[in-house]
């Protein structure tokens, strides 16, 4: 009789542990947070952008800090038709201050920009 009680108790503990774990799912991973925000691979986002606009040539020089992840997102503004953009992020998963972001928008309609502008080596 003692063996049956011990065995039943073990099954109860295993079931309770499984139920408890499923009630408290793990927080999303670093990559899953970007997935939830609509980011994907840089290559996939660039391909989507190029299907709507022209070819995109990204800078070949990467930021001067260690990068663990690259993400891309193409946003097509279906409501107003003027906020389309391609966003590229270079990030480090542990150093939150290491973020390098590239925003690419079509020339028309013109969107004002209040940040610092840089002229690329090809003069654009």
C-alpha atoms as a PDB file:
ATOM      1  CA  UNK A   1       0.000   0.000   0.000  1.00  0.00           C
ATOM      2  CA  UNK A   2       2.866   2.365   0.719  1.00  0.00           C
ATOM      3  CA  UNK A   3       4.189   2.039  -2.831  1.00  0.00           C
ATOM      4  CA  UNK A   4       0.840   3.105  -4.338  1.00  0.00           C
ATOM      5  CA  UNK A   5       0.664   6.236  -2.191  1.00  0.00           C
ATOM      6  CA  UNK A   6       4.196   7.270  -3.088  1.00  0.00           C
ATOM      7  CA  UNK A   7       3.575   6.658  -6.776  1.00  0.00           C
ATOM      8  CA  UNK A   8       0.339   8.669  -6.711  1.00  0.00           C
ATOM      9  CA  UNK A   9       2.068  11.519  -4.939  1.00  0.00           C
ATOM     10  CA  UNK A  10       4.789  11.624  -7.620  1.00  0.00           C
ATOM     11  CA  UNK A  11       2.202  11.779 -10.405  1.00  0.00           C
ATOM     12  CA  UNK A  12       0.408  14.606  -8.599  1.00  0.00           C
ATOM     13  CA  UNK A  13       3.658  16.584  -8.248  1.00  0.00           C
ATOM     14  CA  UNK A  14       4.560  16.085 -11.921  1.00  0.00           C
ATOM     15  CA  UNK A  15       1.074  17.137 -13.081  1.00  0.00           C
ATOM     16  CA  UNK A  16       1.105  20.140 -10.752  1.00  0.00           C
ATOM     17  CA  UNK A  17       4.515  21.221 -12.070  1.00  0.00           C
ATOM     18  CA  UNK A  18       3.393  20.942 -15.715  1.00  0.00           C
ATOM     19  CA  UNK A  19       0.193  22.903 -15.019  1.00  0.00           C
ATOM     20  CA  UNK A  20       2.136  25.564 -13.123  1.00  0.00           C
ATOM     21  CA  UNK A  21       4.697  25.942 -15.945  1.00  0.00           C
ATOM     22  CA  UNK A  22       2.001  26.308 -18.608  1.00  0.00           C
ATOM     23  CA  UNK A  23       0.179  28.923 -16.507  1.00  0.00           C
ATOM     24  CA  UNK A  24       3.340  31.062 -16.474  1.00  0.00           C
ATOM     25  CA  UNK A  25       4.831  31.043 -19.984  1.00  0.00           C
ATOM     26  CA  UNK A  26       8.409  32.113 -20.466  1.00  0.00           C
ATOM     27  CA  UNK A  27       8.935  35.760 -21.399  1.00  0.00           C
ATOM     28  CA  UNK A  28       9.635  36.337 -25.097  1.00  0.00           C
ATOM     29  CA  UNK A  29      13.229  36.021 -26.221  1.00  0.00           C
ATOM     30  CA  UNK A  30      15.196  38.967 -27.595  1.00  0.00           C
ATOM     31  CA  UNK A  31      14.422  37.864 -31.161  1.00  0.00           C
ATOM     32  CA  UNK A  32      10.741  37.221 -30.432  1.00  0.00           C
ATOM     33  CA  UNK A  33      10.291  40.799 -29.221  1.00  0.00           C
ATOM     34  CA  UNK A  34      11.453  42.074 -32.605  1.00  0.00           C
ATOM     35  CA  UNK A  35       9.272  39.501 -34.404  1.00  0.00           C
ATOM     36  CA  UNK A  36       6.251  40.792 -32.470  1.00  0.00           C
ATOM     37  CA  UNK A  37       7.090  44.339 -33.609  1.00  0.00           C
ATOM     38  CA  UNK A  38       7.050  43.218 -37.254  1.00  0.00           C
ATOM     39  CA  UNK A  39      10.802  42.883 -37.804  1.00  0.00           C
ATOM     40  CA  UNK A  40      12.281  40.125 -39.904  1.00  0.00           C
ATOM     41  CA  UNK A  41      15.621  39.475 -41.571  1.00  0.00           C
ATOM     42  CA  UNK A  42      17.236  42.450 -43.297  1.00  0.00           C
ATOM     43  CA  UNK A  43      17.253  40.546 -46.575  1.00  0.00           C
ATOM     44  CA  UNK A  44      13.493  39.814 -46.438  1.00  0.00           C
ATOM     45  CA  UNK A  45      12.623  43.430 -45.553  1.00  0.00           C
ATOM     46  CA  UNK A  46      14.819  44.815 -48.353  1.00  0.00           C
ATOM     47  CA  UNK A  47      13.229  42.398 -50.829  1.00  0.00           C
ATOM     48  CA  UNK A  48       9.738  43.596 -49.838  1.00  0.00           C
ATOM     49  CA  UNK A  49      10.789  47.238 -50.186  1.00  0.00           C
ATOM     50  CA  UNK A  50      12.331  46.586 -53.596  1.00  0.00           C
ATOM     51  CA  UNK A  51       9.092  45.000 -54.825  1.00  0.00           C
ATOM     52  CA  UNK A  52       7.347  48.356 -54.276  1.00  0.00           C
ATOM     53  CA  UNK A  53      10.210  50.727 -55.072  1.00  0.00           C
ATOM     54  CA  UNK A  54      13.625  50.534 -56.682  1.00  0.00           C
ATOM     55  CA  UNK A  55      16.756  48.609 -55.738  1.00  0.00           C
ATOM     56  CA  UNK A  56      18.244  49.453 -52.339  1.00  0.00           C
ATOM     57  CA  UNK A  57      21.962  49.517 -51.710  1.00  0.00           C
ATOM     58  CA  UNK A  58      22.721  49.432 -48.001  1.00  0.00           C
ATOM     59  CA  UNK A  59      25.950  50.887 -46.587  1.00  0.00           C
ATOM     60  CA  UNK A  60      28.840  48.448 -46.613  1.00  0.00           C
ATOM     61  CA  UNK A  61      30.461  49.917 -43.495  1.00  0.00           C
ATOM     62  CA  UNK A  62      28.903  48.581 -40.324  1.00  0.00           C
ATOM     63  CA  UNK A  63      28.681  50.505 -37.038  1.00  0.00           C
ATOM     64  CA  UNK A  64      31.869  50.746 -34.958  1.00  0.00           C
ATOM     65  CA  UNK A  65      30.572  48.456 -32.211  1.00  0.00           C
ATOM     66  CA  UNK A  66      29.897  44.771 -31.797  1.00  0.00           C
ATOM     67  CA  UNK A  67      26.557  43.704 -33.301  1.00  0.00           C
ATOM     68  CA  UNK A  68      24.725  40.545 -32.291  1.00  0.00           C
ATOM     69  CA  UNK A  69      21.558  40.955 -34.383  1.00  0.00           C
ATOM     70  CA  UNK A  70      20.315  42.602 -37.573  1.00  0.00           C
ATOM     71  CA  UNK A  71      16.624  43.202 -38.189  1.00  0.00           C
ATOM     72  CA  UNK A  72      14.630  44.770 -40.982  1.00  0.00           C
ATOM     73  CA  UNK A  73      11.050  45.924 -41.391  1.00  0.00           C
ATOM     74  CA  UNK A  74       9.208  47.211 -44.426  1.00  0.00           C
ATOM     75  CA  UNK A  75       6.192  49.329 -43.546  1.00  0.00           C
ATOM     76  CA  UNK A  76       3.625  49.967 -46.272  1.00  0.00           C
ATOM     77  CA  UNK A  77       1.191  52.741 -45.308  1.00  0.00           C
ATOM     78  CA  UNK A  78      -2.099  51.504 -46.728  1.00  0.00           C
ATOM     79  CA  UNK A  79      -4.153  54.236 -45.063  1.00  0.00           C
ATOM     80  CA  UNK A  80      -2.411  57.447 -46.191  1.00  0.00           C
ATOM     81  CA  UNK A  81       0.106  56.195 -48.738  1.00  0.00           C
ATOM     82  CA  UNK A  82       2.818  58.556 -47.536  1.00  0.00           C
ATOM     83  CA  UNK A  83       4.577  56.876 -44.633  1.00  0.00           C
ATOM     84  CA  UNK A  84       6.179  53.910 -46.383  1.00  0.00           C
ATOM     85  CA  UNK A  85       9.591  53.069 -44.979  1.00  0.00           C
ATOM     86  CA  UNK A  86      12.318  50.487 -44.706  1.00  0.00           C
ATOM     87  CA  UNK A  87      13.835  50.269 -41.231  1.00  0.00           C
ATOM     88  CA  UNK A  88      17.119  48.466 -40.625  1.00  0.00           C
ATOM     89  CA  UNK A  89      18.404  47.904 -37.078  1.00  0.00           C
ATOM     90  CA  UNK A  90      21.839  46.740 -35.993  1.00  0.00           C
ATOM     91  CA  UNK A  91      21.749  45.945 -32.270  1.00  0.00           C
ATOM     92  CA  UNK A  92      23.558  44.212 -29.444  1.00  0.00           C
ATOM     93  CA  UNK A  93      21.328  42.013 -27.306  1.00  0.00           C
ATOM     94  CA  UNK A  94      22.988  42.961 -24.015  1.00  0.00           C
ATOM     95  CA  UNK A  95      24.242  46.499 -24.629  1.00  0.00           C
ATOM     96  CA  UNK A  96      21.053  48.492 -25.164  1.00  0.00           C
ATOM     97  CA  UNK A  97      22.971  51.657 -26.073  1.00  0.00           C
ATOM     98  CA  UNK A  98      24.440  49.894 -29.121  1.00  0.00           C
ATOM     99  CA  UNK A  99      21.741  50.599 -31.684  1.00  0.00           C
ATOM    100  CA  UNK A 100      22.406  51.672 -35.258  1.00  0.00           C
ATOM    101  CA  UNK A 101      19.265  52.462 -37.236  1.00  0.00           C
ATOM    102  CA  UNK A 102      18.805  53.181 -40.925  1.00  0.00           C
ATOM    103  CA  UNK A 103      15.473  54.568 -42.155  1.00  0.00           C
ATOM    104  CA  UNK A 104      14.875  54.611 -45.895  1.00  0.00           C
ATOM    105  CA  UNK A 105      11.864  56.409 -47.327  1.00  0.00           C
ATOM    106  CA  UNK A 106      10.798  57.151 -50.881  1.00  0.00           C
ATOM    107  CA  UNK A 107      11.498  60.699 -52.129  1.00  0.00           C
ATOM    108  CA  UNK A 108       7.819  61.372 -52.853  1.00  0.00           C
ATOM    109  CA  UNK A 109       5.886  62.308 -50.831  1.00  0.00           C
ATOM    110  CA  UNK A 110       8.569  64.282 -49.059  1.00  0.00           C
ATOM    111  CA  UNK A 111       8.747  63.745 -45.301  1.00  0.00           C
ATOM    112  CA  UNK A 112      10.477  66.357 -43.155  1.00  0.00           C
ATOM    113  CA  UNK A 113      13.460  65.221 -41.128  1.00  0.00           C
ATOM    114  CA  UNK A 114      14.663  66.970 -37.974  1.00  0.00           C
ATOM    115  CA  UNK A 115      17.786  64.875 -37.265  1.00  0.00           C
ATOM    116  CA  UNK A 116      21.340  65.245 -38.473  1.00  0.00           C
ATOM    117  CA  UNK A 117      21.784  64.558 -42.201  1.00  0.00           C
ATOM    118  CA  UNK A 118      24.893  62.917 -43.631  1.00  0.00           C
ATOM    119  CA  UNK A 119      26.040  63.033 -47.245  1.00  0.00           C
ATOM    120  CA  UNK A 120      27.098  59.636 -48.537  1.00  0.00           C
ATOM    121  CA  UNK A 121      30.349  59.169 -50.429  1.00  0.00           C
ATOM    122  CA  UNK A 122      28.503  58.924 -53.745  1.00  0.00           C
ATOM    123  CA  UNK A 123      27.069  62.416 -53.119  1.00  0.00           C
ATOM    124  CA  UNK A 124      23.475  61.437 -52.381  1.00  0.00           C
END
